[in-house]
Structure formats: structure tokens, C-alpha cells
Amino acid sequence: MGRITITLDNILAQRRMTLTELSQRVGVTVANLSILKTGKARAVRFTTLAAICAELGCQPADLLHYEPEPPESPESPGTE
């Protein structure tokens, strides 16, 4: 299984906006946005995602990226 990475920090930098400013604009605590930004969030509400996208003028795909796991390499000969 792969993993989802969050690029909120990149979008904020492009928009020259702080996490605190985004928090005030979307009504989500700085702490919750920080958890999302650092990739430690286990879930995100669609309403929160929609509010962030509306404020930043972006799409969910601009914030969320899927990274597949690298394929497992076959065992080297003689390592049985």
C-alpha cells in the first residue's frame, strides 16, 4: 500500500499566506491545520478540504498526492 502526502505548505508559500491566516479564514484551528500540513492527520473532513480549497483557489489534487510503495526487489541469489 502507498501513502498520501500533503502539500499544504507548498500552496501556502505560493500564496504567501501563513497557517494562522488560513486558520482564521476557514475556521479551522491552527493546531488542526498543522497536523494536516505535517502529514500526521489520519483523516480530513470533506467540508474542511472544501473550505481550504475555496480559500486557496486550488483543487484537492493540488493538496493531496498518492505515493505508491516501491516494488519489492526479488531476493538476491544465494540469500535463501
PDB file of N, CA and C in Angstrom:
ATOM      1  N   MET A   1       0.844  -1.171   0.000  1.00  0.00           N
ATOM      2  CA  MET A   1       0.000   0.000   0.000  1.00  0.00           C
ATOM      3  C   MET A   1       0.892   1.237   0.000  1.00  0.00           C
ATOM      4  N   GLY A   2       0.456   2.268  -0.635  1.00  0.00           N
ATOM      5  CA  GLY A   2       1.204   3.519  -0.680  1.00  0.00           C
ATOM      6  C   GLY A   2       0.787   4.454   0.441  1.00  0.00           C
ATOM      7  N   ARG A   3       1.081   5.735   0.241  1.00  0.00           N
ATOM      8  CA  ARG A   3       0.700   6.713   1.251  1.00  0.00           C
ATOM      9  C   ARG A   3       0.275   8.017   0.576  1.00  0.00           C
ATOM     10  N   ILE A   4      -0.470   8.808   1.310  1.00  0.00           N
ATOM     11  CA  ILE A   4      -0.925  10.110   0.845  1.00  0.00           C
ATOM     12  C   ILE A   4      -0.019  11.166   1.467  1.00  0.00           C
ATOM     13  N   THR A   5       0.501  12.066   0.652  1.00  0.00           N
ATOM     14  CA  THR A   5       1.288  13.181   1.173  1.00  0.00           C
ATOM     15  C   THR A   5       0.504  14.467   0.977  1.00  0.00           C
ATOM     16  N   ILE A   6       0.734  15.409   1.876  1.00  0.00           N
ATOM     17  CA  ILE A   6       0.039  16.686   1.875  1.00  0.00           C
ATOM     18  C   ILE A   6       1.016  17.778   1.470  1.00  0.00           C
ATOM     19  N   THR A   7       0.611  18.630   0.546  1.00  0.00           N
ATOM     20  CA  THR A   7       1.491  19.704   0.084  1.00  0.00           C
ATOM     21  C   THR A   7       0.940  21.083   0.462  1.00  0.00           C
ATOM     22  N   LEU A   8       0.255  21.145   1.595  1.00  0.00           N
ATOM     23  CA  LEU A   8      -0.329  22.403   2.040  1.00  0.00           C
ATOM     24  C   LEU A   8       0.735  23.480   2.230  1.00  0.00           C
ATOM     25  N   ASP A   9       1.891  23.103   2.749  1.00  0.00           N
ATOM     26  CA  ASP A   9       2.954  24.099   2.958  1.00  0.00           C
ATOM     27  C   ASP A   9       3.402  24.729   1.646  1.00  0.00           C
ATOM     28  N   ASN A  10       3.464  23.951   0.574  1.00  0.00           N
ATOM     29  CA  ASN A  10       3.847  24.495  -0.737  1.00  0.00           C
ATOM     30  C   ASN A  10       2.811  25.489  -1.254  1.00  0.00           C
ATOM     31  N   ILE A  11       1.534  25.127  -1.126  1.00  0.00           N
ATOM     32  CA  ILE A  11       0.459  26.000  -1.601  1.00  0.00           C
ATOM     33  C   ILE A  11       0.442  27.293  -0.781  1.00  0.00           C
ATOM     34  N   LEU A  12       0.623  27.179   0.535  1.00  0.00           N
ATOM     35  CA  LEU A  12       0.653  28.377   1.381  1.00  0.00           C
ATOM     36  C   LEU A  12       1.809  29.291   0.978  1.00  0.00           C
ATOM     37  N   ALA A  13       2.955  28.715   0.705  1.00  0.00           N
ATOM     38  CA  ALA A  13       4.119  29.515   0.308  1.00  0.00           C
ATOM     39  C   ALA A  13       3.851  30.225  -1.021  1.00  0.00           C
ATOM     40  N   GLN A  14       3.243  29.511  -1.958  1.00  0.00           N
ATOM     41  CA  GLN A  14       2.916  30.113  -3.256  1.00  0.00           C
ATOM     42  C   GLN A  14       1.939  31.273  -3.103  1.00  0.00           C
ATOM     43  N   ARG A  15       1.016  31.134  -2.145  1.00  0.00           N
ATOM     44  CA  ARG A  15       0.002  32.172  -1.930  1.00  0.00           C
ATOM     45  C   ARG A  15       0.482  33.252  -0.948  1.00  0.00           C
ATOM     46  N   ARG A  16       1.680  33.045  -0.410  1.00  0.00           N
ATOM     47  CA  ARG A  16       2.238  33.956   0.603  1.00  0.00           C
ATOM     48  C   ARG A  16       1.259  34.160   1.759  1.00  0.00           C
ATOM     49  N   MET A  17       0.784  33.020   2.266  1.00  0.00           N
ATOM     50  CA  MET A  17      -0.196  33.021   3.343  1.00  0.00           C
ATOM     51  C   MET A  17       0.345  32.179   4.494  1.00  0.00           C
ATOM     52  N   THR A  18       0.088  32.608   5.703  1.00  0.00           N
ATOM     53  CA  THR A  18       0.517  31.845   6.867  1.00  0.00           C
ATOM     54  C   THR A  18      -0.565  30.846   7.253  1.00  0.00           C
ATOM     55  N   LEU A  19      -0.168  29.870   8.046  1.00  0.00           N
ATOM     56  CA  LEU A  19      -1.120  28.891   8.558  1.00  0.00           C
ATOM     57  C   LEU A  19      -2.152  29.581   9.447  1.00  0.00           C
ATOM     58  N   THR A  20      -1.710  30.570  10.209  1.00  0.00           N
ATOM     59  CA  THR A  20      -2.619  31.318  11.078  1.00  0.00           C
ATOM     60  C   THR A  20      -3.668  32.063  10.254  1.00  0.00           C
ATOM     61  N   GLU A  21      -3.238  32.681   9.173  1.00  0.00           N
ATOM     62  CA  GLU A  21      -4.173  33.400   8.311  1.00  0.00           C
ATOM     63  C   GLU A  21      -5.186  32.443   7.693  1.00  0.00           C
ATOM     64  N   LEU A  22      -4.725  31.299   7.200  1.00  0.00           N
ATOM     65  CA  LEU A  22      -5.630  30.302   6.633  1.00  0.00           C
ATOM     66  C   LEU A  22      -6.609  29.819   7.693  1.00  0.00           C
ATOM     67  N   SER A  23      -6.113  29.595   8.898  1.00  0.00           N
ATOM     68  CA  SER A  23      -6.956  29.149  10.005  1.00  0.00           C
ATOM     69  C   SER A  23      -8.099  30.125  10.251  1.00  0.00           C
ATOM     70  N   GLN A  24      -7.790  31.396  10.288  1.00  0.00           N
ATOM     71  CA  GLN A  24      -8.813  32.420  10.519  1.00  0.00           C
ATOM     72  C   GLN A  24      -9.820  32.468   9.378  1.00  0.00           C
ATOM     73  N   ARG A  25      -9.343  32.273   8.174  1.00  0.00           N
ATOM     74  CA  ARG A  25     -10.225  32.376   7.007  1.00  0.00           C
ATOM     75  C   ARG A  25     -11.157  31.182   6.848  1.00  0.00           C
ATOM     76  N   VAL A  26     -10.700  29.989   7.240  1.00  0.00           N
ATOM     77  CA  VAL A  26     -11.523  28.794   7.040  1.00  0.00           C
ATOM     78  C   VAL A  26     -12.191  28.293   8.314  1.00  0.00           C
ATOM     79  N   GLY A  27     -11.835  28.861   9.461  1.00  0.00           N
ATOM     80  CA  GLY A  27     -12.475  28.456  10.707  1.00  0.00           C
ATOM     81  C   GLY A  27     -12.016  27.108  11.236  1.00  0.00           C
ATOM     82  N   VAL A  28     -10.768  26.766  10.975  1.00  0.00           N
ATOM     83  CA  VAL A  28     -10.169  25.532  11.483  1.00  0.00           C
ATOM     84  C   VAL A  28      -8.996  25.955  12.358  1.00  0.00           C
ATOM     85  N   THR A  29      -8.812  25.288  13.487  1.00  0.00           N
ATOM     86  CA  THR A  29      -7.751  25.696  14.395  1.00  0.00           C
ATOM     87  C   THR A  29      -6.377  25.547  13.748  1.00  0.00           C
ATOM     88  N   VAL A  30      -5.445  26.363  14.198  1.00  0.00           N
ATOM     89  CA  VAL A  30      -4.068  26.276  13.718  1.00  0.00           C
ATOM     90  C   VAL A  30      -3.510  24.895  14.024  1.00  0.00           C
ATOM     91  N   ALA A  31      -3.840  24.369  15.199  1.00  0.00           N
ATOM     92  CA  ALA A  31      -3.347  23.043  15.585  1.00  0.00           C
ATOM     93  C   ALA A  31      -3.805  21.973  14.596  1.00  0.00           C
ATOM     94  N   ASN A  32      -5.079  22.003  14.211  1.00  0.00           N
ATOM     95  CA  ASN A  32      -5.586  21.003  13.259  1.00  0.00           C
ATOM     96  C   ASN A  32      -4.977  21.185  11.878  1.00  0.00           C
ATOM     97  N   LEU A  33      -4.806  22.420  11.440  1.00  0.00           N
ATOM     98  CA  LEU A  33      -4.157  22.654  10.148  1.00  0.00           C
ATOM     99  C   LEU A  33      -2.699  22.221  10.185  1.00  0.00           C
ATOM    100  N   SER A  34      -2.044  22.413  11.312  1.00  0.00           N
ATOM    101  CA  SER A  34      -0.649  21.997  11.456  1.00  0.00           C
ATOM    102  C   SER A  34      -0.520  20.479  11.361  1.00  0.00           C
ATOM    103  N   ILE A  35      -1.447  19.773  11.980  1.00  0.00           N
ATOM    104  CA  ILE A  35      -1.451  18.304  11.897  1.00  0.00           C
ATOM    105  C   ILE A  35      -1.627  17.869  10.444  1.00  0.00           C
ATOM    106  N   LEU A  36      -2.507  18.544   9.734  1.00  0.00           N
ATOM    107  CA  LEU A  36      -2.723  18.241   8.316  1.00  0.00           C
ATOM    108  C   LEU A  36      -1.467  18.559   7.511  1.00  0.00           C
ATOM    109  N   LYS A  37      -0.899  19.739   7.749  1.00  0.00           N
ATOM    110  CA  LYS A  37       0.271  20.197   6.990  1.00  0.00           C
ATOM    111  C   LYS A  37       1.477  19.278   7.170  1.00  0.00           C
ATOM    112  N   THR A  38       1.670  18.761   8.374  1.00  0.00           N
ATOM    113  CA  THR A  38       2.830  17.907   8.639  1.00  0.00           C
ATOM    114  C   THR A  38       2.614  16.455   8.221  1.00  0.00           C
ATOM    115  N   GLY A  39       1.412  16.151   7.721  1.00  0.00           N
ATOM    116  CA  GLY A  39       1.137  14.794   7.269  1.00  0.00           C
ATOM    117  C   GLY A  39       0.802  13.835   8.393  1.00  0.00           C
ATOM    118  N   LYS A  40       0.516  14.342   9.577  1.00  0.00           N
ATOM    119  CA  LYS A  40       0.199  13.475  10.716  1.00  0.00           C
ATOM    120  C   LYS A  40      -1.296  13.211  10.845  1.00  0.00           C
ATOM    121  N   ALA A  41      -2.112  13.853  10.010  1.00  0.00           N
ATOM    122  CA  ALA A  41      -3.564  13.656  10.069  1.00  0.00           C
ATOM    123  C   ALA A  41      -3.919  12.256   9.586  1.00  0.00           C
ATOM    124  N   ARG A  42      -4.850  11.631  10.271  1.00  0.00           N
ATOM    125  CA  ARG A  42      -5.313  10.301   9.870  1.00  0.00           C
ATOM    126  C   ARG A  42      -6.546  10.411   8.966  1.00  0.00           C
ATOM    127  N   ALA A  43      -7.192  11.585   9.006  1.00  0.00           N
ATOM    128  CA  ALA A  43      -8.398  11.803   8.204  1.00  0.00           C
ATOM    129  C   ALA A  43      -8.596  13.308   8.045  1.00  0.00           C
ATOM    130  N   VAL A  44      -9.385  13.680   7.050  1.00  0.00           N
ATOM    131  CA  VAL A  44      -9.754  15.077   6.857  1.00  0.00           C
ATOM    132  C   VAL A  44     -11.200  15.107   6.378  1.00  0.00           C
ATOM    133  N   ARG A  45     -11.991  15.985   6.952  1.00  0.00           N
ATOM    134  CA  ARG A  45     -13.391  16.102   6.551  1.00  0.00           C
ATOM    135  C   ARG A  45     -13.451  16.763   5.174  1.00  0.00           C
ATOM    136  N   PHE A  46     -14.401  16.324   4.375  1.00  0.00           N
ATOM    137  CA  PHE A  46     -14.578  16.927   3.056  1.00  0.00           C
ATOM    138  C   PHE A  46     -14.936  18.405   3.177  1.00  0.00           C
ATOM    139  N   THR A  47     -15.683  18.775   4.219  1.00  0.00           N
ATOM    140  CA  THR A  47     -16.034  20.186   4.396  1.00  0.00           C
ATOM    141  C   THR A  47     -14.788  21.022   4.681  1.00  0.00           C
ATOM    142  N   THR A  48     -13.852  20.473   5.439  1.00  0.00           N
ATOM    143  CA  THR A  48     -12.596  21.168   5.723  1.00  0.00           C
ATOM    144  C   THR A  48     -11.773  21.290   4.448  1.00  0.00           C
ATOM    145  N   LEU A  49     -11.669  20.197   3.711  1.00  0.00           N
ATOM    146  CA  LEU A  49     -10.927  20.199   2.455  1.00  0.00           C
ATOM    147  C   LEU A  49     -11.537  21.200   1.468  1.00  0.00           C
ATOM    148  N   ALA A  50     -12.851  21.228   1.401  1.00  0.00           N
ATOM    149  CA  ALA A  50     -13.532  22.164   0.502  1.00  0.00           C
ATOM    150  C   ALA A  50     -13.266  23.608   0.915  1.00  0.00           C
ATOM    151  N   ALA A  51     -13.292  23.889   2.221  1.00  0.00           N
ATOM    152  CA  ALA A  51     -13.043  25.253   2.699  1.00  0.00           C
ATOM    153  C   ALA A  51     -11.614  25.683   2.396  1.00  0.00           C
ATOM    154  N   ILE A  52     -10.657  24.775   2.586  1.00  0.00           N
ATOM    155  CA  ILE A  52      -9.254  25.086   2.290  1.00  0.00           C
ATOM    156  C   ILE A  52      -9.077  25.355   0.795  1.00  0.00           C
ATOM    157  N   CYS A  53      -9.658  24.494  -0.034  1.00  0.00           N
ATOM    158  CA  CYS A  53      -9.545  24.671  -1.487  1.00  0.00           C
ATOM    159  C   CYS A  53     -10.200  25.964  -1.946  1.00  0.00           C
ATOM    160  N   ALA A  54     -11.358  26.306  -1.375  1.00  0.00           N
ATOM    161  CA  ALA A  54     -12.039  27.545  -1.749  1.00  0.00           C
ATOM    162  C   ALA A  54     -11.179  28.751  -1.393  1.00  0.00           C
ATOM    163  N   GLU A  55     -10.582  28.726  -0.219  1.00  0.00           N
ATOM    164  CA  GLU A  55      -9.780  29.866   0.220  1.00  0.00           C
ATOM    165  C   GLU A  55      -8.471  29.987  -0.555  1.00  0.00           C
ATOM    166  N   LEU A  56      -7.872  28.856  -0.892  1.00  0.00           N
ATOM    167  CA  LEU A  56      -6.582  28.874  -1.587  1.00  0.00           C
ATOM    168  C   LEU A  56      -6.732  28.871  -3.110  1.00  0.00           C
ATOM    169  N   GLY A  57      -7.955  28.719  -3.586  1.00  0.00           N
ATOM    170  CA  GLY A  57      -8.178  28.705  -5.032  1.00  0.00           C
ATOM    171  C   GLY A  57      -7.493  27.526  -5.697  1.00  0.00           C
ATOM    172  N   CYS A  58      -7.650  26.356  -5.103  1.00  0.00           N
ATOM    173  CA  CYS A  58      -6.992  25.165  -5.649  1.00  0.00           C
ATOM    174  C   CYS A  58      -7.954  23.993  -5.651  1.00  0.00           C
ATOM    175  N   GLN A  59      -7.491  22.879  -6.156  1.00  0.00           N
ATOM    176  CA  GLN A  59      -8.248  21.636  -6.187  1.00  0.00           C
ATOM    177  C   GLN A  59      -7.676  20.679  -5.139  1.00  0.00           C
ATOM    178  N   PRO A  60      -8.472  19.710  -4.661  1.00  0.00           N
ATOM    179  CA  PRO A  60      -7.945  18.745  -3.702  1.00  0.00           C
ATOM    180  C   PRO A  60      -6.665  18.055  -4.196  1.00  0.00           C
ATOM    181  N   ALA A  61      -6.591  17.798  -5.494  1.00  0.00           N
ATOM    182  CA  ALA A  61      -5.392  17.142  -6.044  1.00  0.00           C
ATOM    183  C   ALA A  61      -4.146  18.021  -5.935  1.00  0.00           C
ATOM    184  N   ASP A  62      -4.332  19.327  -5.750  1.00  0.00           N
ATOM    185  CA  ASP A  62      -3.183  20.208  -5.541  1.00  0.00           C
ATOM    186  C   ASP A  62      -2.615  20.034  -4.130  1.00  0.00           C
ATOM    187  N   LEU A  63      -3.434  19.523  -3.217  1.00  0.00           N
ATOM    188  CA  LEU A  63      -3.040  19.371  -1.819  1.00  0.00           C
ATOM    189  C   LEU A  63      -2.671  17.941  -1.441  1.00  0.00           C
ATOM    190  N   LEU A  64      -3.298  16.982  -2.096  1.00  0.00           N
ATOM    191  CA  LEU A  64      -3.134  15.569  -1.737  1.00  0.00           C
ATOM    192  C   LEU A  64      -2.494  14.804  -2.887  1.00  0.00           C
ATOM    193  N   HIS A  65      -1.473  14.040  -2.575  1.00  0.00           N
ATOM    194  CA  HIS A  65      -0.788  13.239  -3.590  1.00  0.00           C
ATOM    195  C   HIS A  65      -0.612  11.817  -3.085  1.00  0.00           C
ATOM    196  N   TYR A  66      -0.853  10.862  -3.963  1.00  0.00           N
ATOM    197  CA  TYR A  66      -0.663   9.449  -3.634  1.00  0.00           C
ATOM    198  C   TYR A  66       0.716   9.009  -4.077  1.00  0.00           C
ATOM    199  N   GLU A  67       1.452   8.403  -3.164  1.00  0.00           N
ATOM    200  CA  GLU A  67       2.774   7.864  -3.477  1.00  0.00           C
ATOM    201  C   GLU A  67       2.740   6.353  -3.269  1.00  0.00           C
ATOM    202  N   PRO A  68       2.798   5.591  -4.356  1.00  0.00           N
ATOM    203  CA  PRO A  68       2.787   4.134  -4.199  1.00  0.00           C
ATOM    204  C   PRO A  68       4.081   3.639  -3.557  1.00  0.00           C
ATOM    205  N   GLU A  69       3.981   2.487  -2.920  1.00  0.00           N
ATOM    206  CA  GLU A  69       5.191   1.877  -2.368  1.00  0.00           C
ATOM    207  C   GLU A  69       6.072   1.421  -3.515  1.00  0.00           C
ATOM    208  N   PRO A  70       7.381   1.531  -3.334  1.00  0.00           N
ATOM    209  CA  PRO A  70       8.255   0.997  -4.386  1.00  0.00           C
ATOM    210  C   PRO A  70       8.081  -0.519  -4.464  1.00  0.00           C
ATOM    211  N   PRO A  71       8.196  -1.067  -5.660  1.00  0.00           N
ATOM    212  CA  PRO A  71       8.051  -2.530  -5.786  1.00  0.00           C
ATOM    213  C   PRO A  71       9.149  -3.236  -4.997  1.00  0.00           C
ATOM    214  N   GLU A  72       8.762  -4.367  -4.441  1.00  0.00           N
ATOM    215  CA  GLU A  72       9.748  -5.152  -3.704  1.00  0.00           C
ATOM    216  C   GLU A  72      10.732  -5.760  -4.685  1.00  0.00           C
ATOM    217  N   SER A  73      12.004  -5.687  -4.326  1.00  0.00           N
ATOM    218  CA  SER A  73      13.010  -6.283  -5.205  1.00  0.00           C
ATOM    219  C   SER A  73      13.081  -7.778  -4.924  1.00  0.00           C
ATOM    220  N   PRO A  74      13.273  -8.560  -5.982  1.00  0.00           N
ATOM    221  CA  PRO A  74      13.399 -10.007  -5.767  1.00  0.00           C
ATOM    222  C   PRO A  74      14.645 -10.301  -4.935  1.00  0.00           C
ATOM    223  N   GLU A  75      14.567 -11.385  -4.206  1.00  0.00           N
ATOM    224  CA  GLU A  75      15.711 -11.739  -3.362  1.00  0.00           C
ATOM    225  C   GLU A  75      16.938 -11.988  -4.221  1.00  0.00           C
ATOM    226  N   SER A  76      18.056 -11.583  -3.728  1.00  0.00           N
ATOM    227  CA  SER A  76      19.317 -11.820  -4.438  1.00  0.00           C
ATOM    228  C   SER A  76      19.641 -13.293  -4.398  1.00  0.00           C
ATOM    229  N   PRO A  77      20.304 -13.811  -5.448  1.00  0.00           N
ATOM    230  CA  PRO A  77      20.692 -15.220  -5.436  1.00  0.00           C
ATOM    231  C   PRO A  77      21.584 -15.521  -4.249  1.00  0.00           C
ATOM    232  N   GLY A  78      21.330 -16.655  -3.621  1.00  0.00           N
ATOM    233  CA  GLY A  78      22.178 -17.071  -2.510  1.00  0.00           C
ATOM    234  C   GLY A  78      21.777 -16.464  -1.177  1.00  0.00           C
ATOM    235  N   THR A  79      20.600 -15.856  -1.079  1.00  0.00           N
ATOM    236  CA  THR A  79      20.182 -15.272   0.199  1.00  0.00           C
ATOM    237  C   THR A  79      19.007 -16.028   0.788  1.00  0.00           C
ATOM    238  N   GLU A  80      18.892 -17.312   0.455  1.00  0.00           N
ATOM    239  CA  GLU A  80      17.766 -18.091   0.942  1.00  0.00           C
ATOM    240  C   GLU A  80      17.947 -18.508   2.345  1.00  0.00           C
TER     241      GLU A  80
END
